[in-house]
Amino acid sequence: MDNLTTEFAFEALVSIDVATKIGDTALGKRRFIGITGGTFKGPRIEGEVIPGGADWQTVRADGVTVIDAIYALKTTDGAVIAVRNLGLVSPTQDGGRYVRTSPTFDAPQGPHDWLNKSIFVGTIGVAEGGKAVRIGVYRVI
């Protein structure tokens, strides 16, 4: 069986709003975090994060947070790319957090449609100051 390897696609610094609590639902505790902007850059792509998206999170009874972020990127050449980033934040036994995502992209045909043709995985960390997150995106090759 083949081992999976990845290559760096881009890193995004995404500005976020304060979380808005929705409350307890049938699925768990719900909240959303507005996306207010940001930038992204990688070897083949760069640009800005368009304000207006959001991360709709569900905190399950087992303590795992389910991430469901929907937002858009605008590249330096003007292409707009829709992003849906699903993931998990799970507490670990050593007191840390396991945070992984699987972003998907809907890019227009042209120089960025390579995003439509691969599987990606991501990492997320809180940026210094707490008003942004740093997202690493890697293409599975």
C-alpha atoms as a PDB file:
ATOM      1  CA  MET A   1       0.000   0.000   0.000  1.00  0.00           C
ATOM      2  CA  ASP A   2       1.264   3.478  -0.864  1.00  0.00           C
ATOM      3  CA  ASN A   3       2.057   6.008   1.845  1.00  0.00           C
ATOM      4  CA  LEU A   4       0.410   9.382   1.492  1.00  0.00           C
ATOM      5  CA  THR A   5       2.615  12.412   1.045  1.00  0.00           C
ATOM      6  CA  THR A   6       1.704  16.056   0.798  1.00  0.00           C
ATOM      7  CA  GLU A   7       3.048  19.225  -0.751  1.00  0.00           C
ATOM      8  CA  PHE A   8       2.512  22.733   0.591  1.00  0.00           C
ATOM      9  CA  ALA A   9      -0.233  24.555  -1.341  1.00  0.00           C
ATOM     10  CA  PHE A  10      -0.653  27.800   0.612  1.00  0.00           C
ATOM     11  CA  GLU A  11      -0.964  29.409   4.010  1.00  0.00           C
ATOM     12  CA  ALA A  12      -3.819  31.747   4.896  1.00  0.00           C
ATOM     13  CA  LEU A  13      -3.953  34.280   7.693  1.00  0.00           C
ATOM     14  CA  VAL A  14      -7.696  34.675   8.245  1.00  0.00           C
ATOM     15  CA  SER A  15      -9.108  37.508  10.362  1.00  0.00           C
ATOM     16  CA  ILE A  16     -12.050  36.442  12.489  1.00  0.00           C
ATOM     17  CA  ASP A  17     -14.786  38.009  14.561  1.00  0.00           C
ATOM     18  CA  VAL A  18     -15.779  37.088  18.103  1.00  0.00           C
ATOM     19  CA  ALA A  19     -17.744  33.821  18.275  1.00  0.00           C
ATOM     20  CA  THR A  20     -21.527  34.195  18.359  1.00  0.00           C
ATOM     21  CA  LYS A  21     -23.206  31.523  20.468  1.00  0.00           C
ATOM     22  CA  ILE A  22     -26.323  29.922  19.032  1.00  0.00           C
ATOM     23  CA  GLY A  23     -26.830  27.561  21.967  1.00  0.00           C
ATOM     24  CA  ASP A  24     -27.730  23.938  22.512  1.00  0.00           C
ATOM     25  CA  THR A  25     -29.218  22.142  19.529  1.00  0.00           C
ATOM     26  CA  ALA A  26     -29.973  18.515  18.688  1.00  0.00           C
ATOM     27  CA  LEU A  27     -26.439  18.232  17.262  1.00  0.00           C
ATOM     28  CA  GLY A  28     -24.610  19.879  20.161  1.00  0.00           C
ATOM     29  CA  LYS A  29     -23.599  23.390  21.220  1.00  0.00           C
ATOM     30  CA  ARG A  30     -23.580  25.607  18.129  1.00  0.00           C
ATOM     31  CA  ARG A  31     -21.698  28.835  17.425  1.00  0.00           C
ATOM     32  CA  PHE A  32     -20.454  30.714  14.422  1.00  0.00           C
ATOM     33  CA  ILE A  33     -17.362  32.804  13.887  1.00  0.00           C
ATOM     34  CA  GLY A  34     -17.495  35.442  11.165  1.00  0.00           C
ATOM     35  CA  ILE A  35     -14.622  35.732   8.721  1.00  0.00           C
ATOM     36  CA  THR A  36     -13.640  39.383   8.280  1.00  0.00           C
ATOM     37  CA  GLY A  37     -10.796  39.137   5.741  1.00  0.00           C
ATOM     38  CA  GLY A  38      -7.202  38.085   5.456  1.00  0.00           C
ATOM     39  CA  THR A  39      -4.531  37.027   3.000  1.00  0.00           C
ATOM     40  CA  PHE A  40      -3.143  33.801   1.570  1.00  0.00           C
ATOM     41  CA  LYS A  41       0.042  32.881  -0.267  1.00  0.00           C
ATOM     42  CA  GLY A  42       1.660  29.788  -1.733  1.00  0.00           C
ATOM     43  CA  PRO A  43       4.007  28.794  -4.562  1.00  0.00           C
ATOM     44  CA  ARG A  44       1.210  28.783  -7.180  1.00  0.00           C
ATOM     45  CA  ILE A  45      -1.421  31.096  -5.729  1.00  0.00           C
ATOM     46  CA  GLU A  46      -1.909  34.197  -3.575  1.00  0.00           C
ATOM     47  CA  GLY A  47      -4.473  36.836  -2.784  1.00  0.00           C
ATOM     48  CA  GLU A  48      -6.998  37.907  -0.173  1.00  0.00           C
ATOM     49  CA  VAL A  49      -9.721  36.279   1.885  1.00  0.00           C
ATOM     50  CA  ILE A  50     -13.024  37.944   1.023  1.00  0.00           C
ATOM     51  CA  PRO A  51     -14.920  39.174   4.119  1.00  0.00           C
ATOM     52  CA  GLY A  52     -18.340  37.645   4.758  1.00  0.00           C
ATOM     53  CA  GLY A  53     -17.726  33.933   5.247  1.00  0.00           C
ATOM     54  CA  ALA A  54     -18.150  32.092   8.515  1.00  0.00           C
ATOM     55  CA  ASP A  55     -17.099  29.023  10.449  1.00  0.00           C
ATOM     56  CA  TRP A  56     -20.194  27.250  11.801  1.00  0.00           C
ATOM     57  CA  GLN A  57     -18.999  25.092  14.673  1.00  0.00           C
ATOM     58  CA  THR A  58     -20.674  22.334  16.646  1.00  0.00           C
ATOM     59  CA  VAL A  59     -19.253  21.220  19.989  1.00  0.00           C
ATOM     60  CA  ARG A  60     -20.339  17.609  20.434  1.00  0.00           C
ATOM     61  CA  ALA A  61     -21.068  15.856  23.736  1.00  0.00           C
ATOM     62  CA  ASP A  62     -17.679  14.076  23.498  1.00  0.00           C
ATOM     63  CA  GLY A  63     -15.844  17.434  23.502  1.00  0.00           C
ATOM     64  CA  VAL A  64     -14.938  17.358  19.807  1.00  0.00           C
ATOM     65  CA  THR A  65     -15.588  20.561  17.837  1.00  0.00           C
ATOM     66  CA  VAL A  66     -16.748  20.066  14.261  1.00  0.00           C
ATOM     67  CA  ILE A  67     -15.575  22.845  11.931  1.00  0.00           C
ATOM     68  CA  ASP A  68     -17.661  23.795   8.876  1.00  0.00           C
ATOM     69  CA  ALA A  69     -16.228  26.971   7.358  1.00  0.00           C
ATOM     70  CA  ILE A  70     -17.509  28.443   4.100  1.00  0.00           C
ATOM     71  CA  TYR A  71     -15.759  31.445   2.587  1.00  0.00           C
ATOM     72  CA  ALA A  72     -14.163  32.782  -0.594  1.00  0.00           C
ATOM     73  CA  LEU A  73     -10.687  33.682  -1.796  1.00  0.00           C
ATOM     74  CA  LYS A  74      -9.801  36.284  -4.421  1.00  0.00           C
ATOM     75  CA  THR A  75      -6.498  35.724  -6.198  1.00  0.00           C
ATOM     76  CA  THR A  76      -4.146  38.472  -7.336  1.00  0.00           C
ATOM     77  CA  ASP A  77      -5.302  37.852 -10.926  1.00  0.00           C
ATOM     78  CA  GLY A  78      -8.959  38.398  -9.935  1.00  0.00           C
ATOM     79  CA  ALA A  79     -10.249  34.811  -9.763  1.00  0.00           C
ATOM     80  CA  VAL A  80     -12.769  34.104  -7.006  1.00  0.00           C
ATOM     81  CA  ILE A  81     -12.554  30.646  -5.430  1.00  0.00           C
ATOM     82  CA  ALA A  82     -15.217  29.182  -3.136  1.00  0.00           C
ATOM     83  CA  VAL A  83     -13.883  27.224  -0.151  1.00  0.00           C
ATOM     84  CA  ARG A  84     -15.568  24.767   2.184  1.00  0.00           C
ATOM     85  CA  ASN A  85     -13.311  23.622   4.990  1.00  0.00           C
ATOM     86  CA  LEU A  86     -14.579  20.749   7.148  1.00  0.00           C
ATOM     87  CA  GLY A  87     -12.600  19.548  10.117  1.00  0.00           C
ATOM     88  CA  LEU A  88     -12.252  18.455  13.720  1.00  0.00           C
ATOM     89  CA  VAL A  89     -10.743  19.910  16.863  1.00  0.00           C
ATOM     90  CA  SER A  90     -10.295  17.069  19.320  1.00  0.00           C
ATOM     91  CA  PRO A  91      -8.748  17.217  22.790  1.00  0.00           C
ATOM     92  CA  THR A  92      -5.767  14.892  23.209  1.00  0.00           C
ATOM     93  CA  GLN A  93      -4.775  12.888  26.275  1.00  0.00           C
ATOM     94  CA  ASP A  94      -1.747  15.117  26.874  1.00  0.00           C
ATOM     95  CA  GLY A  95      -3.901  18.264  27.111  1.00  0.00           C
ATOM     96  CA  GLY A  96      -3.241  19.416  23.552  1.00  0.00           C
ATOM     97  CA  ARG A  97      -5.532  19.557  20.562  1.00  0.00           C
ATOM     98  CA  TYR A  98      -5.694  17.536  17.356  1.00  0.00           C
ATOM     99  CA  VAL A  99      -6.791  19.968  14.621  1.00  0.00           C
ATOM    100  CA  ARG A 100      -7.138  18.817  11.009  1.00  0.00           C
ATOM    101  CA  THR A 101      -9.345  19.863   8.119  1.00  0.00           C
ATOM    102  CA  SER A 102     -10.164  18.753   4.601  1.00  0.00           C
ATOM    103  CA  PRO A 103     -10.766  21.849   2.469  1.00  0.00           C
ATOM    104  CA  THR A 104     -12.457  21.612  -0.921  1.00  0.00           C
ATOM    105  CA  PHE A 105     -12.365  24.280  -3.596  1.00  0.00           C
ATOM    106  CA  ASP A 106     -14.578  25.449  -6.447  1.00  0.00           C
ATOM    107  CA  ALA A 107     -12.231  27.409  -8.708  1.00  0.00           C
ATOM    108  CA  PRO A 108     -13.056  28.721 -12.187  1.00  0.00           C
ATOM    109  CA  GLN A 109     -11.474  27.006 -15.164  1.00  0.00           C
ATOM    110  CA  GLY A 110      -8.036  28.388 -15.854  1.00  0.00           C
ATOM    111  CA  PRO A 111      -4.808  28.748 -13.904  1.00  0.00           C
ATOM    112  CA  HIS A 112      -6.336  27.831 -10.524  1.00  0.00           C
ATOM    113  CA  ASP A 113      -8.462  24.828 -11.504  1.00  0.00           C
ATOM    114  CA  TRP A 114      -5.752  22.531 -10.120  1.00  0.00           C
ATOM    115  CA  LEU A 115      -7.528  23.163  -6.806  1.00  0.00           C
ATOM    116  CA  ASN A 116     -10.566  21.278  -8.184  1.00  0.00           C
ATOM    117  CA  LYS A 117      -8.499  18.226  -9.114  1.00  0.00           C
ATOM    118  CA  SER A 118      -6.824  17.150  -5.870  1.00  0.00           C
ATOM    119  CA  ILE A 119      -7.502  16.225  -2.266  1.00  0.00           C
ATOM    120  CA  PHE A 120      -6.248  18.695   0.341  1.00  0.00           C
ATOM    121  CA  VAL A 121      -5.675  18.536   4.088  1.00  0.00           C
ATOM    122  CA  GLY A 122      -5.223  21.442   6.432  1.00  0.00           C
ATOM    123  CA  THR A 123      -3.982  22.588   9.789  1.00  0.00           C
ATOM    124  CA  ILE A 124      -5.312  25.471  11.851  1.00  0.00           C
ATOM    125  CA  GLY A 125      -3.701  27.441  14.640  1.00  0.00           C
ATOM    126  CA  VAL A 126      -4.604  30.636  16.431  1.00  0.00           C
ATOM    127  CA  ALA A 127      -2.438  33.517  15.211  1.00  0.00           C
ATOM    128  CA  GLU A 128      -0.721  35.812  17.666  1.00  0.00           C
ATOM    129  CA  GLY A 129      -3.246  38.087  19.333  1.00  0.00           C
ATOM    130  CA  GLY A 130      -6.158  35.690  18.844  1.00  0.00           C
ATOM    131  CA  LYS A 131      -8.033  37.762  16.251  1.00  0.00           C
ATOM    132  CA  ALA A 132      -6.956  35.560  13.344  1.00  0.00           C
ATOM    133  CA  VAL A 133      -6.246  31.950  12.512  1.00  0.00           C
ATOM    134  CA  ARG A 134      -3.372  30.584  10.470  1.00  0.00           C
ATOM    135  CA  ILE A 135      -4.465  27.859   8.054  1.00  0.00           C
ATOM    136  CA  GLY A 136      -1.939  25.616   6.345  1.00  0.00           C
ATOM    137  CA  VAL A 137      -3.218  23.849   3.217  1.00  0.00           C
ATOM    138  CA  TYR A 138      -1.435  20.828   1.745  1.00  0.00           C
ATOM    139  CA  ARG A 139      -2.162  18.897  -1.452  1.00  0.00           C
ATOM    140  CA  VAL A 140      -2.118  15.117  -1.114  1.00  0.00           C
ATOM    141  CA  ILE A 141       0.098  13.758  -3.904  1.00  0.00           C
END
